[in-house]
Amino acid sequence: MSETQDKPAADNPSNAAEANHTHDQAAPDAPYKPVIAAKAAKRANASVIGMVIALLVCVLAFLPIVLMNPAPKGEGFRPPVDVASIAKNATDVAGFTPVTPDTGDTFTPNYARWESGTGSGVPTWEVGYLTPKEAFIGLTQTKQANPTWILQQTGNLPVTGTRNAGGQDWELRDSGKDKRSMVLEYRGTTLILSGTASLDEFATLAAAVVKSADQAPAPTVSAQP
């Protein structure tokens, strides 16, 4: 018997390599799975449950507060404008008492300001109002008006007549479409209302303006030399 026949087949290098390669393909490494102790898992679950309970308690505690104080709706929401307070602050620099028409809850002011007149040369008291019909009327008051400035403020609209409001005849300037103005020289100042509201809404605001002007202290007249 030869040595070749007595030698086991496993001793053959090529056969051993093939056997190892086949074993590697047949038995890939199994993924590592971490093992958590039962007590640790129980503690972790208890922590998560505690956090959820705490969150629910906080939500329930604040829910009544949120319901009693709902957030304002609508993108156009703005805080109320205190026209009287702003006018009071502007009185000294204006040189006259700015009108603060009382319209109740029907006309809503959306701005009130004193303009120094840097660009126009005419310092003015200005208030904007949203009307009950959701139109707009702007109020402008000054004691330094001139014809050119009035034309600019009224958009060069033609004079179409007069409109009585608050016992006074206002000059009416109307485009015949959606823009109009009412102008009044009264108690030492010029008052202009301009906007897109109806004539009835203009008259309502104009009457409130005249009433406010009547309640203001009489303008002082400088003594002539």
C-alpha atoms as a PDB file:
ATOM      1  CA  MET A   1       0.000   0.000   0.000  1.00  0.00           C
ATOM      2  CA  SER A   2       1.403   3.406  -0.969  1.00  0.00           C
ATOM      3  CA  GLU A   3       1.728   6.463   1.291  1.00  0.00           C
ATOM      4  CA  THR A   4      -0.638   8.385  -0.894  1.00  0.00           C
ATOM      5  CA  GLN A   5      -3.469   6.008  -0.317  1.00  0.00           C
ATOM      6  CA  ASP A   6      -2.911   5.762   3.465  1.00  0.00           C
ATOM      7  CA  LYS A   7      -2.901   9.616   3.981  1.00  0.00           C
ATOM      8  CA  PRO A   8      -6.328  11.001   4.963  1.00  0.00           C
ATOM      9  CA  ALA A   9      -8.044  13.251   2.471  1.00  0.00           C
ATOM     10  CA  ALA A  10      -8.346  16.024   5.098  1.00  0.00           C
ATOM     11  CA  ASP A  11      -4.579  16.391   5.029  1.00  0.00           C
ATOM     12  CA  ASN A  12      -4.844  17.706   1.493  1.00  0.00           C
ATOM     13  CA  PRO A  13      -4.405  21.552   1.716  1.00  0.00           C
ATOM     14  CA  SER A  14      -6.786  22.291  -1.145  1.00  0.00           C
ATOM     15  CA  ASN A  15      -9.557  20.190   0.394  1.00  0.00           C
ATOM     16  CA  ALA A  16      -9.112  21.858   3.775  1.00  0.00           C
ATOM     17  CA  ALA A  17      -9.375  25.338   2.256  1.00  0.00           C
ATOM     18  CA  GLU A  18     -12.542  24.385   0.431  1.00  0.00           C
ATOM     19  CA  ALA A  19     -13.995  22.955   3.628  1.00  0.00           C
ATOM     20  CA  ASN A  20     -13.240  26.143   5.572  1.00  0.00           C
ATOM     21  CA  HIS A  21     -14.682  28.323   2.821  1.00  0.00           C
ATOM     22  CA  THR A  22     -17.883  26.263   2.771  1.00  0.00           C
ATOM     23  CA  HIS A  23     -18.149  26.523   6.549  1.00  0.00           C
ATOM     24  CA  ASP A  24     -17.766  30.332   6.439  1.00  0.00           C
ATOM     25  CA  GLN A  25     -20.570  30.637   3.885  1.00  0.00           C
ATOM     26  CA  ALA A  26     -22.892  28.297   5.678  1.00  0.00           C
ATOM     27  CA  ALA A  27     -22.494  29.809   9.130  1.00  0.00           C
ATOM     28  CA  PRO A  28     -22.228  33.618   9.019  1.00  0.00           C
ATOM     29  CA  ASP A  29     -21.574  35.443  12.248  1.00  0.00           C
ATOM     30  CA  ALA A  30     -24.807  35.984  14.191  1.00  0.00           C
ATOM     31  CA  PRO A  31     -25.565  39.660  15.125  1.00  0.00           C
ATOM     32  CA  TYR A  32     -24.850  40.672  18.683  1.00  0.00           C
ATOM     33  CA  LYS A  33     -27.969  41.100  20.808  1.00  0.00           C
ATOM     34  CA  PRO A  34     -27.484  43.056  24.031  1.00  0.00           C
ATOM     35  CA  VAL A  35     -29.212  41.536  26.984  1.00  0.00           C
ATOM     36  CA  ILE A  36     -30.863  43.852  29.552  1.00  0.00           C
ATOM     37  CA  ALA A  37     -31.374  42.520  32.994  1.00  0.00           C
ATOM     38  CA  ALA A  38     -34.985  42.176  34.053  1.00  0.00           C
ATOM     39  CA  LYS A  39     -34.615  44.638  36.929  1.00  0.00           C
ATOM     40  CA  ALA A  40     -32.984  47.259  34.700  1.00  0.00           C
ATOM     41  CA  ALA A  41     -35.749  46.902  32.092  1.00  0.00           C
ATOM     42  CA  LYS A  42     -38.352  47.283  34.814  1.00  0.00           C
ATOM     43  CA  ARG A  43     -36.711  50.468  36.083  1.00  0.00           C
ATOM     44  CA  ALA A  44     -36.524  51.903  32.542  1.00  0.00           C
ATOM     45  CA  ASN A  45     -40.207  51.226  31.927  1.00  0.00           C
ATOM     46  CA  ALA A  46     -41.106  52.781  35.249  1.00  0.00           C
ATOM     47  CA  SER A  47     -39.175  55.960  34.351  1.00  0.00           C
ATOM     48  CA  VAL A  48     -40.963  56.313  30.989  1.00  0.00           C
ATOM     49  CA  ILE A  49     -44.365  55.786  32.605  1.00  0.00           C
ATOM     50  CA  GLY A  50     -43.529  58.398  35.252  1.00  0.00           C
ATOM     51  CA  MET A  51     -42.563  60.950  32.605  1.00  0.00           C
ATOM     52  CA  VAL A  52     -45.809  60.377  30.698  1.00  0.00           C
ATOM     53  CA  ILE A  53     -47.870  60.790  33.881  1.00  0.00           C
ATOM     54  CA  ALA A  54     -46.030  63.999  34.790  1.00  0.00           C
ATOM     55  CA  LEU A  55     -46.639  65.411  31.303  1.00  0.00           C
ATOM     56  CA  LEU A  56     -50.343  64.641  31.508  1.00  0.00           C
ATOM     57  CA  VAL A  57     -50.567  66.324  34.907  1.00  0.00           C
ATOM     58  CA  CYS A  58     -48.937  69.491  33.527  1.00  0.00           C
ATOM     59  CA  VAL A  59     -51.286  69.578  30.517  1.00  0.00           C
ATOM     60  CA  LEU A  60     -54.352  69.146  32.732  1.00  0.00           C
ATOM     61  CA  ALA A  61     -53.107  71.883  35.073  1.00  0.00           C
ATOM     62  CA  PHE A  62     -52.660  74.471  32.317  1.00  0.00           C
ATOM     63  CA  LEU A  63     -55.691  73.534  30.200  1.00  0.00           C
ATOM     64  CA  PRO A  64     -58.215  75.609  32.225  1.00  0.00           C
ATOM     65  CA  ILE A  65     -55.953  78.680  31.959  1.00  0.00           C
ATOM     66  CA  VAL A  66     -55.711  78.349  28.184  1.00  0.00           C
ATOM     67  CA  LEU A  67     -59.458  77.885  27.825  1.00  0.00           C
ATOM     68  CA  MET A  68     -60.198  80.962  29.926  1.00  0.00           C
ATOM     69  CA  ASN A  69     -57.750  83.080  27.913  1.00  0.00           C
ATOM     70  CA  PRO A  70     -58.149  82.117  24.266  1.00  0.00           C
ATOM     71  CA  ALA A  71     -55.688  83.546  21.804  1.00  0.00           C
ATOM     72  CA  PRO A  72     -57.014  86.269  19.467  1.00  0.00           C
ATOM     73  CA  LYS A  73     -58.163  84.944  16.125  1.00  0.00           C
ATOM     74  CA  GLY A  74     -57.335  86.336  12.734  1.00  0.00           C
ATOM     75  CA  GLU A  75     -54.129  87.593  11.186  1.00  0.00           C
ATOM     76  CA  GLY A  76     -55.308  91.193  11.414  1.00  0.00           C
ATOM     77  CA  PHE A  77     -55.463  91.273  15.202  1.00  0.00           C
ATOM     78  CA  ARG A  78     -53.841  94.291  16.814  1.00  0.00           C
ATOM     79  CA  PRO A  79     -53.875  95.551  20.377  1.00  0.00           C
ATOM     80  CA  PRO A  80     -56.309  98.417  21.116  1.00  0.00           C
ATOM     81  CA  VAL A  81     -55.103 101.941  20.297  1.00  0.00           C
ATOM     82  CA  ASP A  82     -55.558 104.419  23.163  1.00  0.00           C
ATOM     83  CA  VAL A  83     -56.244 107.550  21.120  1.00  0.00           C
ATOM     84  CA  ALA A  84     -56.892 109.766  24.154  1.00  0.00           C
ATOM     85  CA  SER A  85     -53.572 108.929  25.823  1.00  0.00           C
ATOM     86  CA  ILE A  86     -51.578 109.451  22.635  1.00  0.00           C
ATOM     87  CA  ALA A  87     -53.364 112.757  21.987  1.00  0.00           C
ATOM     88  CA  LYS A  88     -52.583 113.916  25.528  1.00  0.00           C
ATOM     89  CA  ASN A  89     -48.889 113.243  24.976  1.00  0.00           C
ATOM     90  CA  ALA A  90     -48.999 115.168  21.679  1.00  0.00           C
ATOM     91  CA  THR A  91     -50.810 118.250  23.017  1.00  0.00           C
ATOM     92  CA  ASP A  92     -47.741 120.194  24.136  1.00  0.00           C
ATOM     93  CA  VAL A  93     -45.804 119.742  20.916  1.00  0.00           C
ATOM     94  CA  ALA A  94     -48.884 120.241  18.713  1.00  0.00           C
ATOM     95  CA  GLY A  95     -49.774 123.677  20.030  1.00  0.00           C
ATOM     96  CA  PHE A  96     -53.474 122.724  20.025  1.00  0.00           C
ATOM     97  CA  THR A  97     -55.662 120.062  21.586  1.00  0.00           C
ATOM     98  CA  PRO A  98     -55.898 117.101  19.165  1.00  0.00           C
ATOM     99  CA  VAL A  99     -59.439 115.861  18.616  1.00  0.00           C
ATOM    100  CA  THR A 100     -60.324 112.453  20.030  1.00  0.00           C
ATOM    101  CA  PRO A 101     -63.772 111.630  18.623  1.00  0.00           C
ATOM    102  CA  ASP A 102     -65.845 109.310  20.755  1.00  0.00           C
ATOM    103  CA  THR A 103     -67.477 106.784  18.452  1.00  0.00           C
ATOM    104  CA  GLY A 104     -68.154 104.094  21.036  1.00  0.00           C
ATOM    105  CA  ASP A 105     -67.537 100.627  19.670  1.00  0.00           C
ATOM    106  CA  THR A 106     -68.636 101.436  16.127  1.00  0.00           C
ATOM    107  CA  PHE A 107     -65.409 102.913  14.732  1.00  0.00           C
ATOM    108  CA  THR A 108     -62.168 101.145  15.654  1.00  0.00           C
ATOM    109  CA  PRO A 109     -58.908 103.154  15.677  1.00  0.00           C
ATOM    110  CA  ASN A 110     -55.980 101.240  14.213  1.00  0.00           C
ATOM    111  CA  TYR A 111     -53.343 103.958  14.660  1.00  0.00           C
ATOM    112  CA  ALA A 112     -52.889 107.354  16.318  1.00  0.00           C
ATOM    113  CA  ARG A 113     -49.758 109.467  16.002  1.00  0.00           C
ATOM    114  CA  TRP A 114     -48.223 112.910  15.866  1.00  0.00           C
ATOM    115  CA  GLU A 115     -46.286 113.629  12.675  1.00  0.00           C
ATOM    116  CA  SER A 116     -43.669 116.356  12.884  1.00  0.00           C
ATOM    117  CA  GLY A 117     -44.094 117.262   9.201  1.00  0.00           C
ATOM    118  CA  THR A 118     -40.452 116.770   8.276  1.00  0.00           C
ATOM    119  CA  GLY A 119     -41.341 115.929   4.677  1.00  0.00           C
ATOM    120  CA  SER A 120     -44.405 118.099   4.067  1.00  0.00           C
ATOM    121  CA  GLY A 121     -43.554 121.024   6.337  1.00  0.00           C
ATOM    122  CA  VAL A 122     -46.968 120.679   8.010  1.00  0.00           C
ATOM    123  CA  PRO A 123     -47.047 118.955  11.423  1.00  0.00           C
ATOM    124  CA  THR A 124     -50.218 116.926  11.886  1.00  0.00           C
ATOM    125  CA  TRP A 125     -52.287 114.867  14.306  1.00  0.00           C
ATOM    126  CA  GLU A 126     -53.407 111.654  12.564  1.00  0.00           C
ATOM    127  CA  VAL A 127     -55.827 108.881  13.507  1.00  0.00           C
ATOM    128  CA  GLY A 128     -57.012 105.976  11.331  1.00  0.00           C
ATOM    129  CA  TYR A 129     -60.432 104.390  11.782  1.00  0.00           C
ATOM    130  CA  LEU A 130     -61.977 101.163  10.573  1.00  0.00           C
ATOM    131  CA  THR A 131     -65.700 101.723  10.062  1.00  0.00           C
ATOM    132  CA  PRO A 132     -68.596  99.410  10.965  1.00  0.00           C
ATOM    133  CA  LYS A 133     -68.816  98.422   7.292  1.00  0.00           C
ATOM    134  CA  GLU A 134     -65.097  97.539   7.254  1.00  0.00           C
ATOM    135  CA  ALA A 135     -64.053 100.590   5.253  1.00  0.00           C
ATOM    136  CA  PHE A 136     -61.405 103.140   6.270  1.00  0.00           C
ATOM    137  CA  ILE A 137     -61.388 106.840   7.182  1.00  0.00           C
ATOM    138  CA  GLY A 138     -58.246 108.745   8.071  1.00  0.00           C
ATOM    139  CA  LEU A 139     -58.432 111.847  10.272  1.00  0.00           C
ATOM    140  CA  THR A 140     -55.829 114.614   9.908  1.00  0.00           C
ATOM    141  CA  GLN A 141     -55.690 117.812  11.954  1.00  0.00           C
ATOM    142  CA  THR A 142     -53.259 120.732  11.806  1.00  0.00           C
ATOM    143  CA  LYS A 143     -53.078 124.445  12.455  1.00  0.00           C
ATOM    144  CA  GLN A 144     -50.584 125.070   9.638  1.00  0.00           C
ATOM    145  CA  ALA A 145     -52.578 124.036   6.578  1.00  0.00           C
ATOM    146  CA  ASN A 146     -52.085 125.614   3.168  1.00  0.00           C
ATOM    147  CA  PRO A 147     -53.935 125.103  -0.160  1.00  0.00           C
ATOM    148  CA  THR A 148     -51.206 122.922  -1.661  1.00  0.00           C
ATOM    149  CA  TRP A 149     -51.077 120.690   1.401  1.00  0.00           C
ATOM    150  CA  ILE A 150     -54.880 120.319   1.421  1.00  0.00           C
ATOM    151  CA  LEU A 151     -54.826 119.234  -2.225  1.00  0.00           C
ATOM    152  CA  GLN A 152     -52.194 116.622  -1.402  1.00  0.00           C
ATOM    153  CA  GLN A 153     -54.134 115.326   1.591  1.00  0.00           C
ATOM    154  CA  THR A 154     -57.347 115.005  -0.414  1.00  0.00           C
ATOM    155  CA  GLY A 155     -55.699 113.378  -3.429  1.00  0.00           C
ATOM    156  CA  ASN A 156     -56.525 116.365  -5.678  1.00  0.00           C
ATOM    157  CA  LEU A 157     -60.204 115.431  -5.581  1.00  0.00           C
ATOM    158  CA  PRO A 158     -62.566 118.106  -6.929  1.00  0.00           C
ATOM    159  CA  VAL A 159     -64.880 120.024  -4.612  1.00  0.00           C
ATOM    160  CA  THR A 160     -68.385 118.687  -5.222  1.00  0.00           C
ATOM    161  CA  GLY A 161     -70.383 120.540  -2.568  1.00  0.00           C
ATOM    162  CA  THR A 162     -70.861 120.548   1.201  1.00  0.00           C
ATOM    163  CA  ARG A 163     -72.016 118.025   3.775  1.00  0.00           C
ATOM    164  CA  ASN A 164     -73.459 119.020   7.137  1.00  0.00           C
ATOM    165  CA  ALA A 165     -72.187 117.012  10.082  1.00  0.00           C
ATOM    166  CA  GLY A 166     -72.129 117.975  13.739  1.00  0.00           C
ATOM    167  CA  GLY A 167     -73.822 121.258  12.941  1.00  0.00           C
ATOM    168  CA  GLN A 168     -71.016 122.347  10.616  1.00  0.00           C
ATOM    169  CA  ASP A 169     -70.835 122.483   6.828  1.00  0.00           C
ATOM    170  CA  TRP A 170     -67.878 120.433   5.701  1.00  0.00           C
ATOM    171  CA  GLU A 171     -66.417 120.900   2.223  1.00  0.00           C
ATOM    172  CA  LEU A 172     -67.013 117.680   0.283  1.00  0.00           C
ATOM    173  CA  ARG A 173     -64.494 116.421  -2.241  1.00  0.00           C
ATOM    174  CA  ASP A 174     -65.639 113.297  -4.046  1.00  0.00           C
ATOM    175  CA  SER A 175     -64.157 111.153  -6.803  1.00  0.00           C
ATOM    176  CA  GLY A 176     -67.563 109.734  -7.690  1.00  0.00           C
ATOM    177  CA  LYS A 177     -66.196 106.245  -7.005  1.00  0.00           C
ATOM    178  CA  ASP A 178     -64.780 104.940  -3.747  1.00  0.00           C
ATOM    179  CA  LYS A 179     -62.596 107.816  -2.539  1.00  0.00           C
ATOM    180  CA  ARG A 180     -63.790 110.997  -0.881  1.00  0.00           C
ATOM    181  CA  SER A 181     -62.737 113.658   1.610  1.00  0.00           C
ATOM    182  CA  MET A 182     -64.427 116.149   3.915  1.00  0.00           C
ATOM    183  CA  VAL A 183     -62.595 119.340   4.969  1.00  0.00           C
ATOM    184  CA  LEU A 184     -63.472 121.765   7.768  1.00  0.00           C
ATOM    185  CA  GLU A 185     -61.739 124.885   9.090  1.00  0.00           C
ATOM    186  CA  TYR A 186     -62.824 124.964  12.735  1.00  0.00           C
ATOM    187  CA  ARG A 187     -61.637 126.554  15.961  1.00  0.00           C
ATOM    188  CA  GLY A 188     -58.193 127.424  14.680  1.00  0.00           C
ATOM    189  CA  THR A 189     -57.334 124.131  12.993  1.00  0.00           C
ATOM    190  CA  THR A 190     -58.001 122.368   9.711  1.00  0.00           C
ATOM    191  CA  LEU A 191     -59.718 118.981   9.940  1.00  0.00           C
ATOM    192  CA  ILE A 192     -59.645 116.519   7.038  1.00  0.00           C
ATOM    193  CA  LEU A 193     -61.379 113.166   6.767  1.00  0.00           C
ATOM    194  CA  SER A 194     -60.321 110.970   3.831  1.00  0.00           C
ATOM    195  CA  GLY A 195     -61.046 107.381   2.887  1.00  0.00           C
ATOM    196  CA  THR A 196     -63.239 104.853   1.161  1.00  0.00           C
ATOM    197  CA  ALA A 197     -66.233 104.729   3.508  1.00  0.00           C
ATOM    198  CA  SER A 198     -69.783 105.746   2.618  1.00  0.00           C
ATOM    199  CA  LEU A 199     -71.012 109.326   3.084  1.00  0.00           C
ATOM    200  CA  ASP A 200     -73.167 108.204   6.005  1.00  0.00           C
ATOM    201  CA  GLU A 201     -70.132 106.814   7.843  1.00  0.00           C
ATOM    202  CA  PHE A 202     -68.181 109.965   7.009  1.00  0.00           C
ATOM    203  CA  ALA A 203     -70.975 112.079   8.500  1.00  0.00           C
ATOM    204  CA  THR A 204     -71.075 109.960  11.682  1.00  0.00           C
ATOM    205  CA  LEU A 205     -67.346 110.329  12.286  1.00  0.00           C
ATOM    206  CA  ALA A 206     -67.393 114.018  11.308  1.00  0.00           C
ATOM    207  CA  ALA A 207     -70.082 114.734  13.903  1.00  0.00           C
ATOM    208  CA  ALA A 208     -67.956 113.046  16.587  1.00  0.00           C
ATOM    209  CA  VAL A 209     -64.944 115.108  15.475  1.00  0.00           C
ATOM    210  CA  VAL A 210     -66.867 118.387  15.800  1.00  0.00           C
ATOM    211  CA  LYS A 211     -68.094 117.401  19.254  1.00  0.00           C
ATOM    212  CA  SER A 212     -64.540 116.630  20.368  1.00  0.00           C
ATOM    213  CA  ALA A 213     -63.288 119.942  18.969  1.00  0.00           C
ATOM    214  CA  ASP A 214     -66.038 121.800  20.839  1.00  0.00           C
ATOM    215  CA  GLN A 215     -64.910 120.206  24.108  1.00  0.00           C
ATOM    216  CA  ALA A 216     -61.293 121.286  23.659  1.00  0.00           C
ATOM    217  CA  PRO A 217     -60.028 124.472  25.320  1.00  0.00           C
ATOM    218  CA  ALA A 218     -60.428 127.547  23.132  1.00  0.00           C
ATOM    219  CA  PRO A 219     -57.263 128.308  21.141  1.00  0.00           C
ATOM    220  CA  THR A 220     -55.235 131.196  22.466  1.00  0.00           C
ATOM    221  CA  VAL A 221     -54.988 134.262  20.270  1.00  0.00           C
ATOM    222  CA  SER A 222     -51.722 136.151  20.388  1.00  0.00           C
ATOM    223  CA  ALA A 223     -52.081 139.851  21.227  1.00  0.00           C
ATOM    224  CA  GLN A 224     -51.515 142.265  18.382  1.00  0.00           C
ATOM    225  CA  PRO A 225     -48.788 144.885  18.997  1.00  0.00           C
END
